[in-house]
């Protein structure tokens, strides 16, 4: 399998993964397909990106005057309460 982006294409393979996010009260889990590139020189410097498969589950508000980007979770594959 390959990935295509602005820099061209690259070989990668897909694995199922669980991505977790937490706030003060809950842990939100998302089951996603993650594209993994093979190790190689300089690969560690390439940033990872969240895809629309995760971002579409949130409402986002950006206020550049306050330097803030805020998220409100609208849905998750699993939501677990954090024990106090």
Protein backbone atom coordinates (compact mmCIF):
# COMPACT_ATOMS: atom_id res chain seq x y z
CA UNK A 1 0.00 0.00 0.00
CA UNK A 2 1.16 3.54 -0.58
CA UNK A 3 0.41 6.99 0.80
CA UNK A 4 0.16 10.03 -1.43
CA UNK A 5 0.78 13.57 -0.22
CA UNK A 6 2.26 16.90 -1.22
CA UNK A 7 5.78 15.47 -1.11
CA UNK A 8 4.93 12.54 -3.41
CA UNK A 9 4.11 8.96 -2.57
CA UNK A 10 5.60 6.56 -0.03
CA UNK A 11 5.30 2.88 0.77
CA UNK A 12 3.49 2.13 4.01
CA UNK A 13 1.31 -0.50 5.59
CA UNK A 14 -1.94 -0.17 7.48
CA UNK A 15 -2.63 -1.39 11.00
CA UNK A 16 -5.68 -1.05 13.20
CA UNK A 17 -4.96 1.20 16.17
CA UNK A 18 -6.72 2.75 19.13
CA UNK A 19 -6.14 6.46 19.73
CA UNK A 20 -6.95 7.85 23.19
CA UNK A 21 -7.66 11.43 24.27
CA UNK A 22 -8.53 12.54 27.79
CA UNK A 23 -9.96 15.54 29.56
CA UNK A 24 -10.54 15.99 33.29
CA UNK A 25 -13.51 13.60 33.34
CA UNK A 26 -13.37 11.12 30.43
CA UNK A 27 -11.07 9.12 28.17
CA UNK A 28 -12.28 9.07 24.56
CA UNK A 29 -11.21 6.17 22.33
CA UNK A 30 -11.19 5.94 18.55
CA UNK A 31 -10.51 2.81 16.51
CA UNK A 32 -8.71 3.88 13.33
CA UNK A 33 -6.67 2.49 10.46
CA UNK A 34 -3.16 3.86 10.88
CA UNK A 35 -0.72 4.14 7.97
CA UNK A 36 2.80 3.22 9.12
CA UNK A 37 5.89 4.06 7.09
CA UNK A 38 8.92 1.77 7.25
CA UNK A 39 11.87 2.98 9.35
CA UNK A 40 14.53 4.88 7.51
CA UNK A 41 16.93 7.81 7.72
CA UNK A 42 15.12 11.00 8.69
CA UNK A 43 11.72 9.37 9.19
CA UNK A 44 11.59 10.52 12.83
CA UNK A 45 11.50 14.16 11.71
CA UNK A 46 8.29 13.71 9.67
CA UNK A 47 5.29 14.91 11.72
CA UNK A 48 2.27 12.70 12.38
CA UNK A 49 -1.16 13.99 11.42
CA UNK A 50 -4.65 13.43 12.77
CA UNK A 51 -7.04 12.57 9.96
CA UNK A 52 -10.61 13.51 9.32
CA UNK A 53 -11.64 10.09 10.69
CA UNK A 54 -10.81 11.51 14.15
CA UNK A 55 -11.29 15.27 13.65
CA UNK A 56 -14.84 14.86 12.30
CA UNK A 57 -15.89 13.63 15.77
CA UNK A 58 -15.14 16.99 17.41
CA UNK A 59 -16.38 20.56 17.25
CA UNK A 60 -13.44 22.95 17.03
CA UNK A 61 -13.23 26.65 17.82
CA UNK A 62 -10.15 28.67 16.89
CA UNK A 63 -9.55 32.09 18.46
CA UNK A 64 -6.28 33.54 17.12
CA UNK A 65 -6.62 36.67 19.28
CA UNK A 66 -6.32 34.44 22.39
CA UNK A 67 -3.99 31.89 20.78
CA UNK A 68 -6.47 29.10 21.54
CA UNK A 69 -7.81 26.10 19.65
CA UNK A 70 -10.55 24.36 21.65
CA UNK A 71 -12.23 21.02 21.02
CA UNK A 72 -15.56 19.61 22.19
CA UNK A 73 -16.06 15.88 21.72
CA UNK A 74 -19.30 15.13 19.86
CA UNK A 75 -18.84 11.33 19.62
CA UNK A 76 -16.27 8.62 20.26
CA UNK A 77 -16.06 4.87 19.67
CA UNK A 78 -15.75 4.43 23.44
CA UNK A 79 -16.07 6.91 26.32
CA UNK A 80 -14.84 5.90 29.79
CA UNK A 81 -15.12 7.94 32.98
CA UNK A 82 -11.89 8.63 34.86
CA UNK A 83 -12.02 7.55 38.50
CA UNK A 84 -11.26 10.44 40.88
